[in-house]
């Protein structure tokens, strides 16, 4: 018979293994209160390069400027998420690859993304230029994560004012946003 301390260790290991393999499957992500993902979301039109215009401060991007995100559809239906930002202190580009998946209603602007499996975060597009797919407001699973994205490094002031109003109405503190400077351009973007 197995003694009690060994059983405790084995049960903890079993719990950890179940959690590690079940977490990705049970990661139905929901937006924070006040955030309603857009309808009529077209993933194919959303793919491609986006510039981060502003964001809530977060430890993953702290100190980075000239941040871009590029979304590419893979054959298996998943989305490659490639983020790049300039770290002025280190004088180098910080790059990270992730994976995204469209979840829920295919018509809604909701995905889940991971940069460190098995941990997923919600990605909720709650404002979008449906006509040209030129700007978007994106939220995480709580009010600590929000981004203003655009196809160009800057947006007209009228568009920014509208996006800030939408973000405030959704419960975000827009006074605390980090505004990005896209003065440093990655060489791969110079030819575009």
N, C-alpha and C. Protein backbone atom coordinates (compact mmCIF):
# COMPACT_ATOMS: atom_id res chain seq x y z
N UNK A 1 0.84 -1.19 0.00
CA UNK A 1 0.00 0.00 0.00
C UNK A 1 0.88 1.24 0.00
N UNK A 2 0.45 2.27 -0.74
CA UNK A 2 1.22 3.51 -0.84
C UNK A 2 0.93 4.37 0.38
N UNK A 3 2.02 4.93 0.97
CA UNK A 3 1.82 5.74 2.17
C UNK A 3 1.19 7.09 1.84
N UNK A 4 0.71 7.75 2.86
CA UNK A 4 -0.05 8.99 2.72
C UNK A 4 0.74 10.13 2.06
N UNK A 5 1.99 10.41 2.46
CA UNK A 5 2.73 11.49 1.79
C UNK A 5 2.94 11.23 0.30
N UNK A 6 3.19 9.97 -0.07
CA UNK A 6 3.36 9.64 -1.48
C UNK A 6 2.05 9.86 -2.24
N UNK A 7 0.94 9.47 -1.64
CA UNK A 7 -0.38 9.68 -2.26
C UNK A 7 -0.65 11.16 -2.48
N UNK A 8 -0.27 11.99 -1.52
CA UNK A 8 -0.49 13.44 -1.66
C UNK A 8 0.32 13.98 -2.84
N UNK A 9 1.56 13.53 -2.95
CA UNK A 9 2.41 13.99 -4.05
C UNK A 9 1.84 13.52 -5.38
N UNK A 10 1.43 12.24 -5.45
CA UNK A 10 0.87 11.71 -6.69
C UNK A 10 -0.43 12.43 -7.07
N UNK A 11 -1.25 12.73 -6.09
CA UNK A 11 -2.51 13.43 -6.40
C UNK A 11 -2.25 14.85 -6.87
N UNK A 12 -1.23 15.49 -6.32
CA UNK A 12 -0.88 16.85 -6.78
C UNK A 12 -0.35 16.82 -8.20
N UNK A 13 0.47 15.83 -8.51
CA UNK A 13 0.99 15.70 -9.86
C UNK A 13 -0.15 15.44 -10.84
N UNK A 14 -1.06 14.56 -10.45
CA UNK A 14 -2.22 14.26 -11.32
C UNK A 14 -3.06 15.51 -11.54
N UNK A 15 -3.30 16.28 -10.48
CA UNK A 15 -4.06 17.53 -10.60
C UNK A 15 -3.37 18.48 -11.56
N UNK A 16 -2.05 18.63 -11.41
CA UNK A 16 -1.29 19.54 -12.28
C UNK A 16 -1.38 19.10 -13.74
N UNK A 17 -1.23 17.80 -13.99
CA UNK A 17 -1.32 17.31 -15.37
C UNK A 17 -2.70 17.54 -15.96
N UNK A 18 -3.74 17.27 -15.18
CA UNK A 18 -5.10 17.51 -15.67
C UNK A 18 -5.29 18.99 -15.96
N UNK A 19 -4.82 19.86 -15.07
CA UNK A 19 -4.96 21.30 -15.26
C UNK A 19 -4.21 21.76 -16.50
N UNK A 20 -2.97 21.27 -16.69
CA UNK A 20 -2.18 21.69 -17.85
C UNK A 20 -2.83 21.31 -19.17
N UNK A 21 -3.44 20.13 -19.22
CA UNK A 21 -4.05 19.70 -20.48
C UNK A 21 -5.49 20.14 -20.63
N UNK A 22 -6.16 20.43 -19.54
CA UNK A 22 -7.56 20.87 -19.64
C UNK A 22 -7.67 22.37 -19.81
N UNK A 23 -6.70 23.13 -19.32
CA UNK A 23 -6.78 24.59 -19.38
C UNK A 23 -6.97 25.12 -20.79
N UNK A 24 -6.21 24.65 -21.80
CA UNK A 24 -6.43 25.17 -23.15
C UNK A 24 -7.82 24.84 -23.68
N UNK A 25 -8.35 23.70 -23.30
CA UNK A 25 -9.66 23.30 -23.80
C UNK A 25 -10.78 24.10 -23.15
N UNK A 26 -10.56 24.49 -21.90
CA UNK A 26 -11.60 25.19 -21.15
C UNK A 26 -11.36 26.69 -21.14
N UNK A 27 -10.73 27.21 -22.17
CA UNK A 27 -10.36 28.62 -22.15
C UNK A 27 -11.34 29.48 -22.94
N UNK A 28 -12.61 29.29 -22.72
CA UNK A 28 -13.61 30.15 -23.34
C UNK A 28 -13.50 31.52 -22.69
N UNK A 29 -12.95 32.47 -23.40
CA UNK A 29 -12.64 33.78 -22.86
C UNK A 29 -13.82 34.73 -23.03
N UNK A 30 -14.06 35.53 -22.02
CA UNK A 30 -15.15 36.49 -22.08
C UNK A 30 -14.62 37.90 -21.88
N UNK A 31 -15.23 38.86 -22.56
CA UNK A 31 -14.77 40.26 -22.43
C UNK A 31 -15.17 40.83 -21.06
N UNK A 32 -14.50 41.89 -20.65
CA UNK A 32 -14.87 42.54 -19.39
C UNK A 32 -16.22 43.25 -19.51
N UNK A 33 -16.80 43.57 -18.38
CA UNK A 33 -18.08 44.28 -18.36
C UNK A 33 -17.96 45.58 -19.16
N UNK A 34 -18.91 45.84 -20.01
CA UNK A 34 -18.93 47.05 -20.82
C UNK A 34 -18.35 46.87 -22.21
N UNK A 35 -17.65 45.77 -22.43
CA UNK A 35 -17.04 45.50 -23.74
C UNK A 35 -17.91 44.51 -24.49
N UNK A 36 -18.37 44.93 -25.67
CA UNK A 36 -19.20 44.07 -26.52
C UNK A 36 -18.46 43.87 -27.84
N UNK A 37 -18.00 42.64 -28.12
CA UNK A 37 -17.30 42.41 -29.39
C UNK A 37 -18.18 42.76 -30.58
N UNK A 38 -17.53 43.27 -31.62
CA UNK A 38 -18.26 43.70 -32.82
C UNK A 38 -18.92 42.52 -33.52
N UNK A 39 -20.01 42.81 -34.22
CA UNK A 39 -20.65 41.86 -35.12
C UNK A 39 -20.04 42.03 -36.51
N UNK A 40 -20.38 41.13 -37.41
CA UNK A 40 -19.92 41.20 -38.81
C UNK A 40 -18.40 41.27 -38.92
N UNK A 41 -17.72 40.52 -38.05
CA UNK A 41 -16.26 40.48 -38.05
C UNK A 41 -15.78 39.53 -39.13
N UNK A 42 -14.89 40.02 -40.00
CA UNK A 42 -14.34 39.23 -41.09
C UNK A 42 -12.86 38.99 -40.81
N UNK A 43 -12.53 37.79 -40.36
CA UNK A 43 -11.16 37.47 -39.98
C UNK A 43 -10.18 37.69 -41.12
N UNK A 44 -10.55 37.30 -42.33
CA UNK A 44 -9.63 37.45 -43.46
C UNK A 44 -9.26 38.91 -43.70
N UNK A 45 -10.21 39.82 -43.50
CA UNK A 45 -9.92 41.25 -43.67
C UNK A 45 -9.10 41.80 -42.51
N UNK A 46 -9.20 41.15 -41.36
CA UNK A 46 -8.47 41.60 -40.17
C UNK A 46 -7.00 41.19 -40.21
N UNK A 47 -6.68 40.16 -40.96
CA UNK A 47 -5.30 39.67 -41.04
C UNK A 47 -4.38 40.75 -41.59
N UNK A 48 -3.09 40.57 -41.35
CA UNK A 48 -2.10 41.50 -41.86
C UNK A 48 -1.46 42.31 -40.74
N UNK A 49 -0.82 43.40 -41.12
CA UNK A 49 -0.04 44.22 -40.20
C UNK A 49 -0.88 45.32 -39.57
N UNK A 50 -0.74 45.46 -38.25
CA UNK A 50 -1.37 46.53 -37.48
C UNK A 50 -0.30 47.25 -36.66
N UNK A 51 -0.43 48.57 -36.57
CA UNK A 51 0.43 49.37 -35.71
C UNK A 51 -0.30 49.63 -34.39
N UNK A 52 0.44 49.52 -33.31
CA UNK A 52 -0.12 49.84 -32.00
C UNK A 52 -0.01 51.36 -31.82
N UNK A 53 -1.14 52.02 -31.76
CA UNK A 53 -1.16 53.48 -31.60
C UNK A 53 -1.10 53.85 -30.12
N UNK A 54 -1.85 53.13 -29.30
CA UNK A 54 -1.87 53.36 -27.86
C UNK A 54 -2.26 52.07 -27.17
N UNK A 55 -1.94 51.97 -25.86
CA UNK A 55 -2.27 50.78 -25.08
C UNK A 55 -2.35 51.13 -23.61
N UNK A 56 -3.03 50.28 -22.87
CA UNK A 56 -2.92 50.35 -21.42
C UNK A 56 -1.54 49.81 -21.08
N UNK A 57 -0.95 50.33 -20.03
CA UNK A 57 0.37 49.87 -19.62
C UNK A 57 0.28 48.41 -19.18
N UNK A 58 1.20 47.60 -19.65
CA UNK A 58 1.23 46.21 -19.23
C UNK A 58 2.68 45.74 -19.19
N UNK A 59 2.94 44.78 -18.34
CA UNK A 59 4.33 44.35 -18.12
C UNK A 59 4.94 43.68 -19.35
N UNK A 60 4.11 43.11 -20.23
CA UNK A 60 4.63 42.41 -21.40
C UNK A 60 5.23 43.37 -22.42
N UNK A 61 4.72 44.59 -22.47
CA UNK A 61 5.18 45.55 -23.48
C UNK A 61 5.87 46.76 -22.86
N UNK A 62 6.06 46.76 -21.56
CA UNK A 62 6.63 47.93 -20.89
C UNK A 62 7.99 48.28 -21.51
N UNK A 63 8.14 49.55 -21.86
CA UNK A 63 9.38 50.03 -22.42
C UNK A 63 9.51 49.86 -23.93
N UNK A 64 8.49 49.28 -24.56
CA UNK A 64 8.57 49.07 -26.00
C UNK A 64 7.84 50.18 -26.76
N UNK A 65 8.43 50.59 -27.86
CA UNK A 65 7.83 51.56 -28.76
C UNK A 65 7.81 50.96 -30.16
N UNK A 66 7.20 51.65 -31.10
CA UNK A 66 7.14 51.18 -32.49
C UNK A 66 6.62 49.75 -32.57
N UNK A 67 5.60 49.44 -31.77
CA UNK A 67 5.07 48.08 -31.71
C UNK A 67 4.13 47.81 -32.87
N UNK A 68 4.31 46.64 -33.48
CA UNK A 68 3.40 46.17 -34.53
C UNK A 68 2.95 44.76 -34.19
N UNK A 69 1.82 44.40 -34.74
CA UNK A 69 1.30 43.04 -34.62
C UNK A 69 0.91 42.58 -36.02
N UNK A 70 1.31 41.38 -36.36
CA UNK A 70 0.96 40.85 -37.67
C UNK A 70 0.25 39.51 -37.49
N UNK A 71 -0.90 39.39 -38.15
CA UNK A 71 -1.75 38.21 -38.04
C UNK A 71 -1.77 37.49 -39.39
N UNK A 72 -1.48 36.19 -39.35
CA UNK A 72 -1.43 35.37 -40.56
C UNK A 72 -2.23 34.10 -40.33
N UNK A 73 -3.12 33.77 -41.27
CA UNK A 73 -3.93 32.56 -41.15
C UNK A 73 -3.12 31.35 -41.59
N UNK A 74 -3.16 30.31 -40.76
CA UNK A 74 -2.46 29.07 -41.08
C UNK A 74 -3.45 28.07 -41.69
N UNK A 75 -2.92 27.04 -42.33
CA UNK A 75 -3.77 26.04 -42.98
C UNK A 75 -4.72 25.35 -42.01
N UNK A 76 -4.30 25.19 -40.75
CA UNK A 76 -5.15 24.50 -39.78
C UNK A 76 -6.24 25.40 -39.18
N UNK A 77 -6.32 26.65 -39.67
CA UNK A 77 -7.34 27.58 -39.18
C UNK A 77 -6.88 28.44 -38.02
N UNK A 78 -5.71 28.14 -37.45
CA UNK A 78 -5.18 28.97 -36.38
C UNK A 78 -4.53 30.22 -36.98
N UNK A 79 -4.18 31.14 -36.13
CA UNK A 79 -3.62 32.41 -36.58
C UNK A 79 -2.25 32.59 -35.95
N UNK A 80 -1.24 32.83 -36.78
CA UNK A 80 0.07 33.20 -36.25
C UNK A 80 -0.01 34.66 -35.83
N UNK A 81 0.43 34.93 -34.60
CA UNK A 81 0.44 36.29 -34.07
C UNK A 81 1.91 36.65 -33.84
N UNK A 82 2.41 37.62 -34.61
CA UNK A 82 3.81 38.03 -34.50
C UNK A 82 3.86 39.47 -34.04
N UNK A 83 4.37 39.68 -32.83
CA UNK A 83 4.48 41.03 -32.26
C UNK A 83 5.95 41.44 -32.23
N UNK A 84 6.17 42.73 -32.53
CA UNK A 84 7.53 43.27 -32.54
C UNK A 84 7.49 44.68 -31.96
N UNK A 85 8.48 45.01 -31.10
CA UNK A 85 8.59 46.34 -30.55
C UNK A 85 10.03 46.73 -30.33
N UNK A 86 10.30 48.03 -30.39
CA UNK A 86 11.65 48.55 -30.22
C UNK A 86 11.90 48.86 -28.75
N UNK A 87 12.97 48.27 -28.21
CA UNK A 87 13.39 48.52 -26.83
C UNK A 87 14.53 49.52 -26.87
N UNK A 88 14.24 50.76 -26.54
CA UNK A 88 15.23 51.84 -26.63
C UNK A 88 16.41 51.60 -25.70
N UNK A 89 16.14 51.13 -24.47
CA UNK A 89 17.23 50.90 -23.52
C UNK A 89 18.21 49.85 -24.01
N UNK A 90 17.69 48.78 -24.57
CA UNK A 90 18.55 47.68 -25.05
C UNK A 90 19.01 47.89 -26.49
N UNK A 91 18.41 48.90 -27.15
CA UNK A 91 18.74 49.19 -28.54
C UNK A 91 18.58 47.96 -29.43
N UNK A 92 17.40 47.30 -29.26
CA UNK A 92 17.14 46.12 -30.08
C UNK A 92 15.64 45.88 -30.20
N UNK A 93 15.27 45.09 -31.18
CA UNK A 93 13.88 44.72 -31.40
C UNK A 93 13.54 43.54 -30.51
N UNK A 94 12.42 43.63 -29.82
CA UNK A 94 11.89 42.54 -29.01
C UNK A 94 10.78 41.90 -29.83
N UNK A 95 10.90 40.62 -30.12
CA UNK A 95 9.93 39.93 -30.97
C UNK A 95 9.38 38.70 -30.26
N UNK A 96 8.11 38.42 -30.50
CA UNK A 96 7.49 37.24 -29.91
C UNK A 96 6.44 36.68 -30.87
N UNK A 97 6.43 35.37 -30.98
CA UNK A 97 5.45 34.66 -31.80
C UNK A 97 4.40 34.05 -30.89
N UNK A 98 3.17 34.15 -31.31
CA UNK A 98 2.08 33.53 -30.58
C UNK A 98 1.14 32.83 -31.53
N UNK A 99 0.07 32.34 -30.97
CA UNK A 99 -0.93 31.62 -31.75
C UNK A 99 -2.29 32.12 -31.30
N UNK A 100 -3.17 32.31 -32.26
CA UNK A 100 -4.53 32.74 -31.97
C UNK A 100 -5.53 31.79 -32.57
N UNK A 101 -6.74 31.82 -32.03
CA UNK A 101 -7.83 30.98 -32.51
C UNK A 101 -9.12 31.79 -32.45
N UNK A 102 -9.89 31.74 -33.50
CA UNK A 102 -11.22 32.34 -33.50
C UNK A 102 -12.10 31.48 -32.61
N UNK A 103 -12.81 32.10 -31.68
CA UNK A 103 -13.68 31.35 -30.77
C UNK A 103 -15.08 31.94 -30.77
N UNK A 104 -16.02 31.14 -30.33
CA UNK A 104 -17.39 31.60 -30.21
C UNK A 104 -18.04 31.79 -31.57
N UNK A 105 -19.00 32.70 -31.59
CA UNK A 105 -19.74 33.02 -32.81
C UNK A 105 -18.77 33.49 -33.88
N UNK A 106 -18.72 32.85 -35.05
CA UNK A 106 -17.77 33.24 -36.10
C UNK A 106 -17.98 34.66 -36.60
N UNK A 107 -19.15 35.23 -36.34
CA UNK A 107 -19.47 36.58 -36.79
C UNK A 107 -19.02 37.65 -35.79
N UNK A 108 -18.59 37.23 -34.60
CA UNK A 108 -18.17 38.18 -33.55
C UNK A 108 -16.65 38.36 -33.55
N UNK A 109 -16.20 39.51 -33.11
CA UNK A 109 -14.77 39.83 -33.05
C UNK A 109 -14.12 39.30 -31.79
N UNK A 110 -14.16 37.99 -31.57
CA UNK A 110 -13.56 37.40 -30.38
C UNK A 110 -12.63 36.26 -30.75
N UNK A 111 -11.43 36.32 -30.18
CA UNK A 111 -10.43 35.27 -30.37
C UNK A 111 -9.80 34.96 -29.02
N UNK A 112 -8.97 33.94 -29.00
CA UNK A 112 -8.11 33.70 -27.85
C UNK A 112 -6.70 33.61 -28.39
N UNK A 113 -5.74 34.11 -27.62
CA UNK A 113 -4.35 34.11 -28.06
C UNK A 113 -3.46 33.58 -26.94
N UNK A 114 -2.34 33.01 -27.35
CA UNK A 114 -1.36 32.54 -26.39
C UNK A 114 0.04 32.87 -26.89
N UNK A 115 0.86 33.30 -25.97
CA UNK A 115 2.29 33.47 -26.25
C UNK A 115 3.09 32.52 -25.37
N UNK A 116 2.37 31.84 -24.47
CA UNK A 116 3.00 30.89 -23.56
C UNK A 116 1.98 29.81 -23.23
N UNK A 117 1.97 28.75 -24.06
CA UNK A 117 1.02 27.67 -23.88
C UNK A 117 1.25 27.03 -22.52
N UNK A 118 0.25 26.69 -21.77
CA UNK A 118 -1.16 26.56 -22.11
C UNK A 118 -2.01 27.76 -21.69
N UNK A 119 -1.39 28.91 -21.47
CA UNK A 119 -2.11 30.07 -20.96
C UNK A 119 -2.63 30.92 -22.11
N UNK A 120 -3.94 31.11 -22.14
CA UNK A 120 -4.61 31.87 -23.19
C UNK A 120 -5.23 33.13 -22.60
N UNK A 121 -5.34 34.13 -23.44
CA UNK A 121 -6.02 35.37 -23.05
C UNK A 121 -7.06 35.69 -24.12
N UNK A 122 -8.13 36.33 -23.70
CA UNK A 122 -9.14 36.76 -24.65
C UNK A 122 -8.65 37.94 -25.47
N UNK A 123 -9.12 38.03 -26.68
CA UNK A 123 -8.80 39.10 -27.62
C UNK A 123 -10.14 39.52 -28.21
N UNK A 124 -10.65 40.67 -27.76
CA UNK A 124 -12.01 41.09 -28.09
C UNK A 124 -11.97 42.41 -28.87
N UNK A 125 -12.30 42.36 -30.15
CA UNK A 125 -12.37 43.56 -30.98
C UNK A 125 -13.73 44.20 -30.71
N UNK A 126 -13.74 45.38 -30.05
CA UNK A 126 -15.01 45.99 -29.69
C UNK A 126 -15.31 47.30 -30.41
N UNK A 127 -14.43 47.70 -31.28
CA UNK A 127 -14.71 48.80 -32.23
C UNK A 127 -13.86 48.52 -33.44
N UNK A 128 -14.44 48.71 -34.63
CA UNK A 128 -13.75 48.34 -35.86
C UNK A 128 -14.25 49.18 -37.00
N UNK A 129 -13.33 49.59 -37.85
CA UNK A 129 -13.67 50.25 -39.11
C UNK A 129 -14.14 49.15 -40.06
N UNK A 130 -15.45 48.88 -40.03
CA UNK A 130 -15.99 47.79 -40.86
C UNK A 130 -15.82 48.04 -42.36
N UNK A 131 -15.77 49.30 -42.74
CA UNK A 131 -15.66 49.60 -44.17
C UNK A 131 -14.27 49.29 -44.71
N UNK A 132 -13.23 49.78 -44.04
CA UNK A 132 -11.88 49.62 -44.57
C UNK A 132 -10.93 48.82 -43.71
N UNK A 133 -11.38 48.41 -42.50
CA UNK A 133 -10.51 47.68 -41.57
C UNK A 133 -9.20 48.45 -41.36
N UNK A 134 -9.34 49.76 -41.07
CA UNK A 134 -8.18 50.62 -40.88
C UNK A 134 -7.88 50.92 -39.42
N UNK A 135 -8.81 50.68 -38.51
CA UNK A 135 -8.56 50.88 -37.08
C UNK A 135 -9.42 49.90 -36.28
N UNK A 136 -8.95 49.64 -35.05
CA UNK A 136 -9.68 48.72 -34.18
C UNK A 136 -9.36 49.05 -32.72
N UNK A 137 -10.34 48.80 -31.86
CA UNK A 137 -10.14 48.83 -30.41
C UNK A 137 -10.20 47.38 -29.95
N UNK A 138 -9.21 46.96 -29.19
CA UNK A 138 -9.12 45.57 -28.74
C UNK A 138 -8.97 45.55 -27.23
N UNK A 139 -9.68 44.63 -26.61
CA UNK A 139 -9.64 44.45 -25.16
C UNK A 139 -9.15 43.05 -24.83
N UNK A 140 -8.55 42.93 -23.67
CA UNK A 140 -8.27 41.61 -23.10
C UNK A 140 -9.48 41.16 -22.31
N UNK A 141 -9.27 40.28 -21.34
CA UNK A 141 -10.37 39.73 -20.54
C UNK A 141 -10.75 40.63 -19.35
N UNK A 142 -10.01 41.71 -19.14
CA UNK A 142 -10.36 42.66 -18.08
C UNK A 142 -9.93 44.06 -18.51
N UNK A 143 -10.22 45.04 -17.69
CA UNK A 143 -9.94 46.43 -18.07
C UNK A 143 -8.47 46.82 -17.94
N UNK A 144 -7.61 45.87 -17.66
CA UNK A 144 -6.17 46.15 -17.59
C UNK A 144 -5.50 46.08 -18.96
N UNK A 145 -6.21 45.56 -19.95
CA UNK A 145 -5.62 45.36 -21.27
C UNK A 145 -6.52 45.93 -22.37
N UNK A 146 -5.98 46.95 -23.08
CA UNK A 146 -6.71 47.56 -24.17
C UNK A 146 -5.71 48.17 -25.14
N UNK A 147 -6.00 48.04 -26.43
CA UNK A 147 -5.12 48.56 -27.47
C UNK A 147 -5.93 49.33 -28.51
N UNK A 148 -5.34 50.41 -29.02
CA UNK A 148 -5.84 51.09 -30.21
C UNK A 148 -4.88 50.68 -31.32
N UNK A 149 -5.42 50.00 -32.33
CA UNK A 149 -4.61 49.51 -33.45
C UNK A 149 -5.03 50.21 -34.73
N UNK A 150 -4.08 50.36 -35.65
CA UNK A 150 -4.37 50.99 -36.95
C UNK A 150 -3.44 50.39 -38.00
N UNK A 151 -3.85 50.53 -39.24
CA UNK A 151 -3.03 50.05 -40.35
C UNK A 151 -1.87 50.99 -40.65
N UNK A 152 -1.91 52.18 -40.06
CA UNK A 152 -0.85 53.17 -40.21
C UNK A 152 -0.38 53.58 -38.82
N UNK A 153 0.82 54.14 -38.68
CA UNK A 153 1.33 54.50 -37.36
C UNK A 153 0.52 55.58 -36.63
N UNK A 154 -0.26 56.36 -37.35
CA UNK A 154 -1.05 57.43 -36.73
C UNK A 154 -2.47 57.40 -37.28
N UNK A 155 -3.38 57.98 -36.50
CA UNK A 155 -4.77 58.12 -36.93
C UNK A 155 -5.17 59.58 -36.87
N UNK A 156 -6.13 60.00 -37.69
CA UNK A 156 -6.63 61.37 -37.60
C UNK A 156 -7.22 61.63 -36.21
N UNK A 157 -7.12 62.87 -35.75
CA UNK A 157 -7.57 63.22 -34.40
C UNK A 157 -9.06 62.89 -34.20
N UNK A 158 -9.88 63.11 -35.21
CA UNK A 158 -11.30 62.80 -35.09
C UNK A 158 -11.54 61.32 -34.83
N UNK A 159 -10.79 60.47 -35.50
CA UNK A 159 -10.91 59.03 -35.28
C UNK A 159 -10.44 58.66 -33.88
N UNK A 160 -9.31 59.24 -33.45
CA UNK A 160 -8.82 58.99 -32.10
C UNK A 160 -9.83 59.42 -31.05
N UNK A 161 -10.43 60.58 -31.23
CA UNK A 161 -11.43 61.07 -30.27
C UNK A 161 -12.60 60.09 -30.16
N UNK A 162 -13.05 59.58 -31.30
CA UNK A 162 -14.16 58.62 -31.30
C UNK A 162 -13.75 57.34 -30.58
N UNK A 163 -12.54 56.83 -30.85
CA UNK A 163 -12.07 55.60 -30.22
C UNK A 163 -11.89 55.78 -28.71
N UNK A 164 -11.38 56.93 -28.30
CA UNK A 164 -11.21 57.20 -26.87
C UNK A 164 -12.57 57.25 -26.16
N UNK A 165 -13.55 57.85 -26.81
CA UNK A 165 -14.89 57.90 -26.23
C UNK A 165 -15.46 56.49 -26.07
N UNK A 166 -15.30 55.66 -27.11
CA UNK A 166 -15.77 54.27 -27.05
C UNK A 166 -15.08 53.51 -25.91
N UNK A 167 -13.76 53.71 -25.79
CA UNK A 167 -13.00 53.02 -24.74
C UNK A 167 -13.47 53.46 -23.35
N UNK A 168 -13.68 54.76 -23.17
CA UNK A 168 -14.16 55.26 -21.87
C UNK A 168 -15.53 54.70 -21.54
N UNK A 169 -16.42 54.66 -22.53
CA UNK A 169 -17.76 54.11 -22.31
C UNK A 169 -17.72 52.62 -21.97
N UNK A 170 -16.67 51.94 -22.42
CA UNK A 170 -16.51 50.51 -22.12
C UNK A 170 -15.81 50.28 -20.78
N UNK A 171 -15.44 51.38 -20.10
CA UNK A 171 -14.87 51.25 -18.75
C UNK A 171 -13.37 51.38 -18.64
N UNK A 172 -12.69 51.82 -19.71
CA UNK A 172 -11.23 51.96 -19.66
C UNK A 172 -10.83 53.36 -19.23
N UNK A 173 -9.73 53.47 -18.49
CA UNK A 173 -9.18 54.75 -18.07
C UNK A 173 -8.23 55.23 -19.16
N UNK A 174 -8.74 56.07 -20.05
CA UNK A 174 -7.94 56.50 -21.20
C UNK A 174 -6.88 57.55 -20.82
N UNK A 175 -6.99 58.12 -19.62
CA UNK A 175 -5.97 59.07 -19.18
C UNK A 175 -4.64 58.38 -18.92
N UNK A 176 -4.67 57.08 -18.71
CA UNK A 176 -3.46 56.32 -18.39
C UNK A 176 -2.86 55.59 -19.59
N UNK A 177 -3.36 55.86 -20.79
CA UNK A 177 -2.85 55.15 -21.97
C UNK A 177 -1.40 55.51 -22.26
N UNK A 178 -0.67 54.55 -22.79
CA UNK A 178 0.69 54.75 -23.29
C UNK A 178 0.56 54.99 -24.79
N UNK A 179 1.03 56.17 -25.24
CA UNK A 179 0.96 56.52 -26.66
C UNK A 179 2.29 56.19 -27.30
N UNK A 180 2.24 55.50 -28.42
CA UNK A 180 3.45 55.00 -29.04
C UNK A 180 4.01 55.95 -30.09
N UNK A 181 5.33 55.93 -30.16
CA UNK A 181 6.09 56.70 -31.13
C UNK A 181 6.63 55.68 -32.14
N UNK A 182 6.34 55.87 -33.39
CA UNK A 182 6.80 54.94 -34.42
C UNK A 182 7.95 55.54 -35.23
N UNK A 183 8.85 56.27 -34.53
CA UNK A 183 9.99 56.87 -35.21
C UNK A 183 11.01 55.82 -35.65
N UNK A 184 11.15 54.76 -34.85
CA UNK A 184 12.06 53.68 -35.22
C UNK A 184 11.27 52.67 -36.05
N UNK A 185 11.73 52.43 -37.25
CA UNK A 185 11.01 51.54 -38.17
C UNK A 185 11.87 50.31 -38.43
N UNK A 186 11.25 49.14 -38.27
CA UNK A 186 11.98 47.91 -38.54
C UNK A 186 12.32 47.84 -40.03
N UNK A 187 13.53 47.38 -40.36
CA UNK A 187 13.94 47.32 -41.78
C UNK A 187 12.96 46.56 -42.68
N UNK A 188 12.27 45.56 -42.15
CA UNK A 188 11.34 44.81 -42.98
C UNK A 188 10.15 45.64 -43.43
N UNK A 189 9.87 46.74 -42.72
CA UNK A 189 8.74 47.60 -43.06
C UNK A 189 9.13 48.74 -44.00
N UNK A 190 10.41 48.95 -44.18
CA UNK A 190 10.86 50.06 -45.03
C UNK A 190 10.53 49.85 -46.50
N UNK A 191 10.46 48.61 -46.93
CA UNK A 191 10.20 48.33 -48.34
C UNK A 191 8.70 48.36 -48.66
N UNK A 192 7.85 48.45 -47.64
CA UNK A 192 6.40 48.44 -47.89
C UNK A 192 5.88 49.79 -48.24
